[in-house]
Amino acid sequence: MAKGYWIGRVEVQDEAAYRRYVEANAAAFSRYGARFLVRGGTFEAVEGESRSRNVVIEFDDYATALECYRSPEYAEAMAHRLPAAVSDIIVIEGYDGSQPGEGAPGTGS
C-alpha cells in the first residue's frame, strides 16, 4: 500500500505564534504516526515560486494522512498556525510502482 504525505510550503509571519502551532501539532502527529521527512532545511528553488519553509510528512497511507489533517487534535494546532503563517498544504498519495531502470526495457518512465 502506498504511503500518504503532507507537503507544505509555509511563510511564517509570527514566530512566537508559529512555535505554539509546532508544540500543539505534536499531539495529532503522534496519534497518526506522522514522520517528518523534510522539516525546514536548506533548499534552492530551481523552478517556480517558493516559501521560506518546506515540510514533507509521511503517514502509513493516504487515508491516515487525511484523517490526521481532519482530526480535532490537528484543528486545535491549526488554530495557532492560521494567524501566524501563510501556508500551502496538500495531502497526497505516494507512488508505489516501478522506478526508472526497473522492469522491462522502455517501461521505466
N, C-alpha and C. Protein backbone atom coordinates (compact mmCIF):
# COMPACT_ATOMS: atom_id res chain seq x y z
N MET A 1 0.84 -1.18 0.00
CA MET A 1 0.00 0.00 0.00
C MET A 1 0.89 1.25 0.00
N ALA A 2 0.52 2.22 -0.80
CA ALA A 2 1.30 3.46 -0.90
C ALA A 2 1.16 4.29 0.37
N LYS A 3 2.22 4.97 0.71
CA LYS A 3 2.22 5.89 1.85
C LYS A 3 1.38 7.13 1.51
N GLY A 4 1.04 7.89 2.53
CA GLY A 4 0.39 9.18 2.35
C GLY A 4 1.32 10.27 2.84
N TYR A 5 1.22 11.45 2.25
CA TYR A 5 2.12 12.54 2.60
C TYR A 5 1.38 13.86 2.73
N TRP A 6 1.89 14.70 3.59
CA TRP A 6 1.55 16.12 3.58
C TRP A 6 2.75 16.82 2.98
N ILE A 7 2.50 17.73 2.06
CA ILE A 7 3.55 18.58 1.53
C ILE A 7 3.12 20.01 1.83
N GLY A 8 3.94 20.69 2.58
CA GLY A 8 3.60 22.05 2.98
C GLY A 8 4.69 23.04 2.61
N ARG A 9 4.24 24.21 2.20
CA ARG A 9 5.12 25.35 1.95
C ARG A 9 4.59 26.47 2.82
N VAL A 10 5.44 27.04 3.64
CA VAL A 10 4.98 27.95 4.69
C VAL A 10 5.82 29.22 4.71
N GLU A 11 5.12 30.33 4.89
CA GLU A 11 5.77 31.63 5.12
C GLU A 11 5.34 32.09 6.50
N VAL A 12 6.23 31.94 7.48
CA VAL A 12 5.92 32.30 8.86
C VAL A 12 5.95 33.82 9.00
N GLN A 13 4.89 34.36 9.61
CA GLN A 13 4.78 35.81 9.82
C GLN A 13 4.89 36.19 11.29
N ASP A 14 4.63 35.23 12.18
CA ASP A 14 4.69 35.46 13.62
C ASP A 14 5.37 34.25 14.26
N GLU A 15 6.67 34.37 14.52
CA GLU A 15 7.46 33.24 15.03
C GLU A 15 6.93 32.69 16.35
N ALA A 16 6.55 33.55 17.27
CA ALA A 16 6.07 33.10 18.59
C ALA A 16 4.79 32.27 18.45
N ALA A 17 3.85 32.76 17.67
CA ALA A 17 2.60 32.02 17.46
C ALA A 17 2.86 30.72 16.70
N TYR A 18 3.78 30.74 15.76
CA TYR A 18 4.09 29.53 15.00
C TYR A 18 4.72 28.47 15.90
N ARG A 19 5.52 28.89 16.87
CA ARG A 19 6.08 27.93 17.83
C ARG A 19 4.98 27.25 18.62
N ARG A 20 3.92 27.98 18.95
CA ARG A 20 2.78 27.36 19.64
C ARG A 20 2.12 26.32 18.75
N TYR A 21 2.03 26.60 17.45
CA TYR A 21 1.50 25.62 16.50
C TYR A 21 2.36 24.36 16.48
N VAL A 22 3.66 24.52 16.43
CA VAL A 22 4.58 23.37 16.39
C VAL A 22 4.42 22.53 17.66
N GLU A 23 4.30 23.19 18.80
CA GLU A 23 4.09 22.46 20.05
C GLU A 23 2.75 21.71 20.03
N ALA A 24 1.71 22.35 19.53
CA ALA A 24 0.38 21.76 19.53
C ALA A 24 0.22 20.65 18.50
N ASN A 25 0.92 20.72 17.38
CA ASN A 25 0.71 19.70 16.34
C ASN A 25 1.29 18.34 16.72
N ALA A 26 2.13 18.29 17.73
CA ALA A 26 2.72 17.02 18.16
C ALA A 26 1.66 16.00 18.57
N ALA A 27 0.57 16.44 19.17
CA ALA A 27 -0.48 15.51 19.60
C ALA A 27 -1.09 14.78 18.40
N ALA A 28 -1.42 15.52 17.36
CA ALA A 28 -2.01 14.89 16.16
C ALA A 28 -0.97 14.03 15.45
N PHE A 29 0.22 14.55 15.29
CA PHE A 29 1.24 13.80 14.55
C PHE A 29 1.61 12.52 15.27
N SER A 30 1.67 12.54 16.58
CA SER A 30 1.97 11.34 17.35
C SER A 30 0.84 10.32 17.21
N ARG A 31 -0.39 10.79 17.35
CA ARG A 31 -1.55 9.88 17.27
C ARG A 31 -1.64 9.18 15.92
N TYR A 32 -1.29 9.87 14.83
CA TYR A 32 -1.46 9.32 13.49
C TYR A 32 -0.15 8.78 12.89
N GLY A 33 0.89 8.66 13.71
CA GLY A 33 2.13 8.04 13.26
C GLY A 33 2.89 8.84 12.22
N ALA A 34 2.80 10.16 12.28
CA ALA A 34 3.50 11.01 11.31
C ALA A 34 5.00 10.91 11.48
N ARG A 35 5.70 11.03 10.36
CA ARG A 35 7.16 11.01 10.36
C ARG A 35 7.65 12.13 9.44
N PHE A 36 8.41 13.06 10.00
CA PHE A 36 8.94 14.16 9.20
C PHE A 36 10.05 13.64 8.29
N LEU A 37 9.91 13.90 7.00
CA LEU A 37 10.97 13.61 6.03
C LEU A 37 11.74 14.88 5.70
N VAL A 38 11.02 16.00 5.68
CA VAL A 38 11.62 17.32 5.47
C VAL A 38 10.96 18.25 6.48
N ARG A 39 11.78 19.00 7.19
CA ARG A 39 11.24 19.95 8.17
C ARG A 39 12.14 21.18 8.18
N GLY A 40 11.85 22.09 7.26
CA GLY A 40 12.73 23.24 7.10
C GLY A 40 13.93 22.81 6.26
N GLY A 41 15.08 23.25 6.61
CA GLY A 41 16.29 22.83 5.92
C GLY A 41 16.66 23.74 4.76
N THR A 42 17.89 23.61 4.34
CA THR A 42 18.41 24.38 3.23
C THR A 42 17.76 23.92 1.93
N PHE A 43 17.40 24.86 1.08
CA PHE A 43 16.83 24.50 -0.22
C PHE A 43 17.16 25.56 -1.24
N GLU A 44 16.99 25.20 -2.49
CA GLU A 44 17.13 26.13 -3.60
C GLU A 44 15.91 25.96 -4.49
N ALA A 45 15.19 27.03 -4.72
CA ALA A 45 14.03 26.98 -5.61
C ALA A 45 14.56 27.04 -7.04
N VAL A 46 14.59 25.90 -7.71
CA VAL A 46 15.15 25.84 -9.05
C VAL A 46 14.12 26.15 -10.14
N GLU A 47 12.83 26.09 -9.80
CA GLU A 47 11.76 26.47 -10.72
C GLU A 47 10.57 26.97 -9.91
N GLY A 48 9.85 27.92 -10.45
CA GLY A 48 8.62 28.39 -9.83
C GLY A 48 8.85 29.20 -8.56
N GLU A 49 7.76 29.39 -7.83
CA GLU A 49 7.79 30.18 -6.61
C GLU A 49 8.06 29.29 -5.40
N SER A 50 8.52 29.90 -4.34
CA SER A 50 8.76 29.14 -3.11
C SER A 50 8.32 29.96 -1.91
N ARG A 51 8.31 29.30 -0.78
CA ARG A 51 8.10 29.96 0.51
C ARG A 51 9.35 29.67 1.34
N SER A 52 9.49 30.30 2.48
CA SER A 52 10.73 30.19 3.24
C SER A 52 10.87 28.87 4.00
N ARG A 53 9.78 28.14 4.19
CA ARG A 53 9.83 26.88 4.95
C ARG A 53 9.08 25.81 4.18
N ASN A 54 9.67 24.63 4.10
CA ASN A 54 9.07 23.49 3.38
C ASN A 54 9.04 22.29 4.30
N VAL A 55 7.94 21.51 4.21
CA VAL A 55 7.76 20.37 5.09
C VAL A 55 7.18 19.21 4.28
N VAL A 56 7.69 18.01 4.52
CA VAL A 56 7.11 16.79 3.97
C VAL A 56 6.95 15.83 5.15
N ILE A 57 5.72 15.37 5.35
CA ILE A 57 5.40 14.48 6.46
C ILE A 57 4.82 13.19 5.89
N GLU A 58 5.33 12.06 6.34
CA GLU A 58 4.90 10.75 5.84
C GLU A 58 3.95 10.08 6.83
N PHE A 59 2.93 9.42 6.27
CA PHE A 59 1.97 8.64 7.05
C PHE A 59 1.91 7.24 6.46
N ASP A 60 1.34 6.31 7.19
CA ASP A 60 1.25 4.92 6.72
C ASP A 60 0.53 4.81 5.39
N ASP A 61 -0.49 5.65 5.18
CA ASP A 61 -1.26 5.62 3.94
C ASP A 61 -1.99 6.95 3.76
N TYR A 62 -2.59 7.12 2.60
CA TYR A 62 -3.30 8.35 2.25
C TYR A 62 -4.46 8.62 3.20
N ALA A 63 -5.23 7.58 3.52
CA ALA A 63 -6.39 7.75 4.39
C ALA A 63 -5.97 8.27 5.76
N THR A 64 -4.88 7.76 6.29
CA THR A 64 -4.39 8.21 7.59
C THR A 64 -3.92 9.66 7.52
N ALA A 65 -3.27 10.03 6.42
CA ALA A 65 -2.82 11.42 6.24
C ALA A 65 -4.01 12.38 6.25
N LEU A 66 -5.07 12.01 5.55
CA LEU A 66 -6.28 12.85 5.54
C LEU A 66 -6.95 12.87 6.91
N GLU A 67 -7.02 11.72 7.55
CA GLU A 67 -7.65 11.63 8.86
C GLU A 67 -6.93 12.53 9.87
N CYS A 68 -5.61 12.56 9.81
CA CYS A 68 -4.85 13.43 10.70
C CYS A 68 -5.18 14.89 10.43
N TYR A 69 -5.19 15.28 9.16
CA TYR A 69 -5.48 16.68 8.83
C TYR A 69 -6.86 17.10 9.33
N ARG A 70 -7.80 16.20 9.25
CA ARG A 70 -9.19 16.49 9.61
C ARG A 70 -9.50 16.22 11.09
N SER A 71 -8.50 15.83 11.86
CA SER A 71 -8.72 15.45 13.26
C SER A 71 -8.93 16.66 14.16
N PRO A 72 -9.62 16.44 15.29
CA PRO A 72 -9.78 17.52 16.27
C PRO A 72 -8.43 17.98 16.84
N GLU A 73 -7.49 17.05 16.98
CA GLU A 73 -6.17 17.41 17.50
C GLU A 73 -5.46 18.38 16.55
N TYR A 74 -5.54 18.10 15.25
CA TYR A 74 -4.88 19.00 14.31
C TYR A 74 -5.64 20.32 14.18
N ALA A 75 -6.95 20.28 14.29
CA ALA A 75 -7.74 21.52 14.23
C ALA A 75 -7.31 22.46 15.35
N GLU A 76 -7.03 21.91 16.51
CA GLU A 76 -6.57 22.73 17.63
C GLU A 76 -5.21 23.36 17.31
N ALA A 77 -4.31 22.57 16.73
CA ALA A 77 -3.00 23.10 16.35
C ALA A 77 -3.12 24.15 15.24
N MET A 78 -3.97 23.85 14.27
CA MET A 78 -4.14 24.74 13.13
C MET A 78 -4.64 26.12 13.56
N ALA A 79 -5.38 26.18 14.63
CA ALA A 79 -5.86 27.46 15.14
C ALA A 79 -4.70 28.38 15.50
N HIS A 80 -3.54 27.81 15.84
CA HIS A 80 -2.34 28.60 16.11
C HIS A 80 -1.62 28.98 14.82
N ARG A 81 -1.68 28.09 13.82
CA ARG A 81 -0.95 28.32 12.57
C ARG A 81 -1.61 29.38 11.70
N LEU A 82 -2.92 29.34 11.57
CA LEU A 82 -3.61 30.21 10.62
C LEU A 82 -3.29 31.70 10.79
N PRO A 83 -3.28 32.23 12.02
CA PRO A 83 -2.93 33.66 12.13
C PRO A 83 -1.42 33.92 12.10
N ALA A 84 -0.61 32.86 12.14
CA ALA A 84 0.84 33.02 12.26
C ALA A 84 1.59 32.83 10.96
N ALA A 85 0.94 32.24 9.95
CA ALA A 85 1.66 31.90 8.73
C ALA A 85 0.72 31.79 7.54
N VAL A 86 1.29 31.98 6.36
CA VAL A 86 0.58 31.70 5.11
C VAL A 86 1.10 30.36 4.64
N SER A 87 0.20 29.42 4.37
CA SER A 87 0.62 28.06 4.06
C SER A 87 -0.10 27.50 2.85
N ASP A 88 0.60 26.67 2.11
CA ASP A 88 0.02 25.82 1.08
C ASP A 88 0.29 24.40 1.54
N ILE A 89 -0.77 23.62 1.73
CA ILE A 89 -0.61 22.24 2.19
C ILE A 89 -1.43 21.34 1.30
N ILE A 90 -0.80 20.28 0.81
CA ILE A 90 -1.55 19.26 0.09
C ILE A 90 -1.37 17.93 0.80
N VAL A 91 -2.37 17.08 0.70
CA VAL A 91 -2.28 15.70 1.16
C VAL A 91 -2.30 14.86 -0.10
N ILE A 92 -1.31 13.99 -0.24
CA ILE A 92 -1.13 13.27 -1.49
C ILE A 92 -0.76 11.81 -1.24
N GLU A 93 -1.24 10.96 -2.12
CA GLU A 93 -0.89 9.55 -2.05
C GLU A 93 0.47 9.34 -2.70
N GLY A 94 1.32 8.56 -2.05
CA GLY A 94 2.63 8.25 -2.58
C GLY A 94 2.55 7.32 -3.78
N TYR A 95 3.67 7.18 -4.46
CA TYR A 95 3.77 6.32 -5.64
C TYR A 95 4.42 5.03 -5.22
N ASP A 96 3.86 3.95 -5.69
CA ASP A 96 4.24 2.62 -5.24
C ASP A 96 4.63 1.72 -6.42
N GLY A 97 4.75 2.28 -7.62
CA GLY A 97 5.01 1.50 -8.82
C GLY A 97 6.49 1.37 -9.15
N SER A 98 6.75 0.97 -10.38
CA SER A 98 8.12 0.76 -10.82
C SER A 98 8.86 2.09 -10.93
N GLN A 99 10.15 2.01 -10.85
CA GLN A 99 11.02 3.18 -10.91
C GLN A 99 11.87 3.12 -12.17
N PRO A 100 12.42 4.25 -12.57
CA PRO A 100 13.28 4.24 -13.77
C PRO A 100 14.37 3.18 -13.63
N GLY A 101 14.54 2.42 -14.71
CA GLY A 101 15.55 1.36 -14.71
C GLY A 101 15.06 0.03 -14.17
N GLU A 102 13.86 -0.02 -13.65
CA GLU A 102 13.30 -1.28 -13.15
C GLU A 102 12.34 -1.85 -14.19
N GLY A 103 12.16 -3.14 -14.18
CA GLY A 103 11.16 -3.76 -15.05
C GLY A 103 11.66 -3.95 -16.46
N ALA A 104 10.74 -4.13 -17.37
CA ALA A 104 11.04 -4.39 -18.78
C ALA A 104 11.63 -3.15 -19.43
N PRO A 105 12.47 -3.33 -20.47
CA PRO A 105 13.03 -2.18 -21.18
C PRO A 105 11.92 -1.26 -21.69
N GLY A 106 12.15 0.02 -21.54
CA GLY A 106 11.19 1.01 -22.05
C GLY A 106 10.03 1.28 -21.11
N THR A 107 10.00 0.64 -19.93
CA THR A 107 8.87 0.85 -19.00
C THR A 107 9.28 1.65 -17.78
N GLY A 108 10.50 2.16 -17.75
CA GLY A 108 11.00 2.82 -16.55
C GLY A 108 10.64 4.28 -16.43
N SER A 109 9.80 4.84 -17.29
CA SER A 109 9.48 6.25 -17.12
C SER A 109 7.99 6.47 -17.03
